[in-house]
Amino acid sequence: MKVPDRRLLTASLTCALLALPFARGSATAATAVDVVGPLISRPYVEITTSLMRRFGVAVETPDAATFVVPAGARYRTPGTLVVEGDASG
């Protein structure tokens, strides 16, 4: 999947990454997302990939613009989680 940077929103990329383990064919083939141009708000994407890793899906980043969800990746429970409250009001 190629995503032009002018249409890329961080939320769209994170949603795609979170959903890829459920995509048709993901059990037998890795799925890659290639970002064309600079990635805005990379720290938010890193939060997503870190959380995915905590739930058992290790997203590979062979370079700064490519995100790969390995074949057969599946979410699993990490056990008990402590979630901070929302301070946004």
N, C-alpha and C. Protein backbone atom coordinates (compact mmCIF):
# COMPACT_ATOMS: atom_id res chain seq x y z
N MET A 1 0.85 -1.15 0.00
CA MET A 1 0.00 0.00 0.00
C MET A 1 0.91 1.22 0.00
N LYS A 2 0.70 2.15 -0.90
CA LYS A 2 1.46 3.40 -0.93
C LYS A 2 0.51 4.54 -0.56
N VAL A 3 0.96 5.43 0.32
CA VAL A 3 0.12 6.53 0.79
C VAL A 3 0.84 7.84 0.51
N PRO A 4 0.29 8.70 -0.37
CA PRO A 4 0.93 9.99 -0.64
C PRO A 4 0.89 10.87 0.62
N ASP A 5 1.98 11.58 0.90
CA ASP A 5 2.05 12.36 2.14
C ASP A 5 0.99 13.46 2.20
N ARG A 6 0.58 14.02 1.06
CA ARG A 6 -0.39 15.11 1.10
C ARG A 6 -1.76 14.63 1.55
N ARG A 7 -1.98 13.33 1.50
CA ARG A 7 -3.26 12.77 1.94
C ARG A 7 -3.13 12.01 3.25
N LEU A 8 -1.93 11.94 3.75
CA LEU A 8 -1.68 11.13 4.93
C LEU A 8 -1.99 11.90 6.21
N LEU A 9 -2.82 11.35 6.99
CA LEU A 9 -3.05 11.84 8.33
C LEU A 9 -2.52 10.78 9.28
N THR A 10 -1.93 11.21 10.36
CA THR A 10 -1.38 10.26 11.32
C THR A 10 -2.45 9.26 11.75
N ALA A 11 -3.66 9.74 11.96
CA ALA A 11 -4.74 8.85 12.39
C ALA A 11 -5.02 7.78 11.35
N SER A 12 -4.97 8.13 10.08
CA SER A 12 -5.22 7.14 9.02
C SER A 12 -4.14 6.06 9.01
N LEU A 13 -2.90 6.46 9.17
CA LEU A 13 -1.81 5.49 9.20
C LEU A 13 -1.93 4.58 10.41
N THR A 14 -2.18 5.15 11.57
CA THR A 14 -2.28 4.32 12.77
C THR A 14 -3.47 3.37 12.67
N CYS A 15 -4.58 3.83 12.11
CA CYS A 15 -5.73 2.94 11.94
C CYS A 15 -5.39 1.79 11.00
N ALA A 16 -4.70 2.09 9.91
CA ALA A 16 -4.30 1.03 8.98
C ALA A 16 -3.39 0.03 9.66
N LEU A 17 -2.40 0.53 10.41
CA LEU A 17 -1.48 -0.38 11.09
C LEU A 17 -2.20 -1.27 12.09
N LEU A 18 -3.11 -0.68 12.86
CA LEU A 18 -3.85 -1.45 13.86
C LEU A 18 -4.72 -2.53 13.22
N ALA A 19 -5.25 -2.27 12.04
CA ALA A 19 -6.15 -3.21 11.38
C ALA A 19 -5.44 -4.29 10.56
N LEU A 20 -4.20 -4.05 10.16
CA LEU A 20 -3.52 -4.98 9.26
C LEU A 20 -3.45 -6.43 9.75
N PRO A 21 -3.30 -6.71 11.05
CA PRO A 21 -3.30 -8.12 11.46
C PRO A 21 -4.62 -8.85 11.15
N PHE A 22 -5.68 -8.10 10.90
CA PHE A 22 -6.98 -8.69 10.59
C PHE A 22 -7.26 -8.75 9.09
N ALA A 23 -6.37 -8.23 8.28
CA ALA A 23 -6.60 -8.14 6.83
C ALA A 23 -6.58 -9.51 6.18
N ARG A 24 -7.37 -9.65 5.12
CA ARG A 24 -7.40 -10.90 4.36
C ARG A 24 -5.99 -11.21 3.85
N GLY A 25 -5.56 -12.41 4.04
CA GLY A 25 -4.25 -12.83 3.57
C GLY A 25 -3.11 -12.55 4.54
N SER A 26 -3.40 -11.87 5.65
CA SER A 26 -2.32 -11.49 6.58
C SER A 26 -1.73 -12.70 7.31
N ALA A 27 -2.45 -13.81 7.32
CA ALA A 27 -1.93 -15.00 7.99
C ALA A 27 -0.78 -15.62 7.21
N THR A 28 -0.75 -15.39 5.90
CA THR A 28 0.25 -16.05 5.07
C THR A 28 1.24 -15.09 4.40
N ALA A 29 0.97 -13.79 4.48
CA ALA A 29 1.88 -12.83 3.82
C ALA A 29 2.02 -11.57 4.67
N ALA A 30 3.23 -11.05 4.74
CA ALA A 30 3.46 -9.78 5.43
C ALA A 30 2.77 -8.66 4.64
N THR A 31 2.40 -7.61 5.35
CA THR A 31 1.77 -6.46 4.72
C THR A 31 2.60 -5.23 5.01
N ALA A 32 2.93 -4.47 3.96
CA ALA A 32 3.76 -3.27 4.12
C ALA A 32 2.97 -2.02 3.77
N VAL A 33 3.26 -0.96 4.51
CA VAL A 33 2.74 0.37 4.20
C VAL A 33 3.95 1.25 3.93
N ASP A 34 3.99 1.85 2.74
CA ASP A 34 5.07 2.76 2.36
C ASP A 34 4.54 4.19 2.38
N VAL A 35 5.16 5.04 3.17
CA VAL A 35 4.78 6.45 3.25
C VAL A 35 5.62 7.22 2.25
N VAL A 36 4.97 7.97 1.37
CA VAL A 36 5.66 8.75 0.36
C VAL A 36 5.81 10.18 0.91
N GLY A 37 7.05 10.64 1.04
CA GLY A 37 7.29 11.97 1.59
C GLY A 37 7.47 11.93 3.09
N PRO A 38 7.66 13.08 3.71
CA PRO A 38 7.92 13.12 5.16
C PRO A 38 6.70 12.71 5.97
N LEU A 39 6.94 11.98 7.04
CA LEU A 39 5.87 11.55 7.93
C LEU A 39 5.72 12.59 9.03
N ILE A 40 4.56 13.19 9.08
CA ILE A 40 4.27 14.20 10.10
C ILE A 40 3.76 13.48 11.35
N SER A 41 4.15 13.95 12.49
CA SER A 41 3.72 13.39 13.79
C SER A 41 4.19 11.95 13.98
N ARG A 42 5.41 11.67 13.60
CA ARG A 42 5.97 10.33 13.77
C ARG A 42 5.87 9.83 15.21
N PRO A 43 6.04 10.67 16.24
CA PRO A 43 5.93 10.16 17.61
C PRO A 43 4.59 9.49 17.90
N TYR A 44 3.51 9.98 17.29
CA TYR A 44 2.21 9.35 17.51
C TYR A 44 2.14 7.97 16.86
N VAL A 45 2.78 7.83 15.72
CA VAL A 45 2.84 6.52 15.05
C VAL A 45 3.69 5.57 15.90
N GLU A 46 4.76 6.08 16.49
CA GLU A 46 5.60 5.25 17.35
C GLU A 46 4.86 4.79 18.60
N ILE A 47 3.97 5.62 19.12
CA ILE A 47 3.13 5.21 20.25
C ILE A 47 2.27 4.02 19.83
N THR A 48 1.69 4.12 18.63
CA THR A 48 0.85 3.03 18.12
C THR A 48 1.65 1.75 17.95
N THR A 49 2.81 1.82 17.30
CA THR A 49 3.59 0.60 17.07
C THR A 49 4.12 0.01 18.38
N SER A 50 4.41 0.86 19.35
CA SER A 50 4.84 0.38 20.66
C SER A 50 3.71 -0.37 21.36
N LEU A 51 2.51 0.16 21.28
CA LEU A 51 1.36 -0.50 21.89
C LEU A 51 1.04 -1.80 21.17
N MET A 52 1.16 -1.80 19.84
CA MET A 52 0.95 -3.03 19.08
C MET A 52 1.94 -4.10 19.52
N ARG A 53 3.20 -3.70 19.71
CA ARG A 53 4.23 -4.65 20.16
C ARG A 53 3.86 -5.21 21.54
N ARG A 54 3.34 -4.36 22.40
CA ARG A 54 2.95 -4.82 23.74
C ARG A 54 1.83 -5.86 23.67
N PHE A 55 1.00 -5.76 22.61
CA PHE A 55 -0.08 -6.71 22.42
C PHE A 55 0.29 -7.83 21.45
N GLY A 56 1.59 -8.00 21.18
CA GLY A 56 2.06 -9.16 20.44
C GLY A 56 2.30 -8.98 18.95
N VAL A 57 2.11 -7.78 18.41
CA VAL A 57 2.33 -7.54 16.98
C VAL A 57 3.52 -6.62 16.82
N ALA A 58 4.65 -7.17 16.41
CA ALA A 58 5.88 -6.38 16.25
C ALA A 58 5.95 -5.82 14.83
N VAL A 59 5.67 -4.54 14.70
CA VAL A 59 5.73 -3.87 13.39
C VAL A 59 7.20 -3.59 13.07
N GLU A 60 7.62 -4.06 11.90
CA GLU A 60 8.99 -3.85 11.46
C GLU A 60 9.08 -2.52 10.71
N THR A 61 10.20 -1.82 10.89
CA THR A 61 10.43 -0.56 10.17
C THR A 61 11.80 -0.63 9.52
N PRO A 62 11.87 -1.25 8.32
CA PRO A 62 13.16 -1.40 7.65
C PRO A 62 13.79 -0.07 7.26
N ASP A 63 12.97 0.96 7.13
CA ASP A 63 13.47 2.32 6.90
C ASP A 63 12.43 3.29 7.46
N ALA A 64 12.73 4.58 7.40
CA ALA A 64 11.88 5.59 8.04
C ALA A 64 10.49 5.71 7.41
N ALA A 65 10.31 5.20 6.20
CA ALA A 65 9.04 5.37 5.50
C ALA A 65 8.27 4.07 5.30
N THR A 66 8.75 2.97 5.85
CA THR A 66 8.10 1.68 5.62
C THR A 66 7.75 1.01 6.94
N PHE A 67 6.53 0.52 7.00
CA PHE A 67 6.03 -0.20 8.17
C PHE A 67 5.54 -1.55 7.69
N VAL A 68 6.02 -2.63 8.30
CA VAL A 68 5.67 -3.98 7.87
C VAL A 68 5.08 -4.77 9.03
N VAL A 69 3.88 -5.29 8.81
CA VAL A 69 3.27 -6.20 9.78
C VAL A 69 3.56 -7.61 9.27
N PRO A 70 4.30 -8.42 10.04
CA PRO A 70 4.70 -9.75 9.59
C PRO A 70 3.51 -10.68 9.35
N ALA A 71 3.70 -11.65 8.48
CA ALA A 71 2.67 -12.66 8.24
C ALA A 71 2.35 -13.39 9.53
N GLY A 72 1.08 -13.65 9.74
CA GLY A 72 0.65 -14.40 10.91
C GLY A 72 0.61 -13.62 12.21
N ALA A 73 0.86 -12.31 12.16
CA ALA A 73 0.84 -11.49 13.37
C ALA A 73 -0.57 -11.47 13.95
N ARG A 74 -0.68 -11.71 15.24
CA ARG A 74 -1.97 -11.71 15.91
C ARG A 74 -1.82 -11.02 17.26
N TYR A 75 -2.86 -10.30 17.66
CA TYR A 75 -2.86 -9.66 18.96
C TYR A 75 -3.08 -10.70 20.06
N ARG A 76 -2.46 -10.45 21.21
CA ARG A 76 -2.69 -11.28 22.39
C ARG A 76 -2.68 -10.36 23.61
N THR A 77 -3.30 -10.80 24.64
CA THR A 77 -3.38 -9.97 25.84
C THR A 77 -2.02 -9.88 26.54
N PRO A 78 -1.66 -8.68 26.96
CA PRO A 78 -0.42 -8.54 27.73
C PRO A 78 -0.65 -8.75 29.23
N GLY A 79 -1.88 -9.06 29.62
CA GLY A 79 -2.19 -9.20 31.03
C GLY A 79 -2.86 -7.93 31.54
N THR A 80 -2.59 -7.56 32.75
CA THR A 80 -3.20 -6.38 33.35
C THR A 80 -2.51 -5.10 32.87
N LEU A 81 -3.31 -4.10 32.54
CA LEU A 81 -2.78 -2.80 32.12
C LEU A 81 -3.29 -1.71 33.04
N VAL A 82 -2.46 -0.72 33.29
CA VAL A 82 -2.89 0.46 34.02
C VAL A 82 -2.97 1.59 33.00
N VAL A 83 -4.14 2.23 32.91
CA VAL A 83 -4.36 3.30 31.93
C VAL A 83 -4.54 4.61 32.68
N GLU A 84 -3.75 5.60 32.28
CA GLU A 84 -3.85 6.92 32.89
C GLU A 84 -5.16 7.59 32.49
N GLY A 85 -5.66 8.46 33.35
CA GLY A 85 -6.88 9.20 33.04
C GLY A 85 -6.63 10.22 31.93
N ASP A 86 -7.70 10.64 31.28
CA ASP A 86 -7.64 11.62 30.21
C ASP A 86 -7.65 13.01 30.84
N ALA A 87 -6.57 13.76 30.64
CA ALA A 87 -6.45 15.09 31.24
C ALA A 87 -6.89 16.19 30.31
N SER A 88 -7.51 15.83 29.17
CA SER A 88 -7.86 16.85 28.17
C SER A 88 -9.10 17.64 28.57
N GLY A 89 -9.79 17.21 29.57
CA GLY A 89 -10.92 18.01 30.06
C GLY A 89 -12.20 17.45 29.71
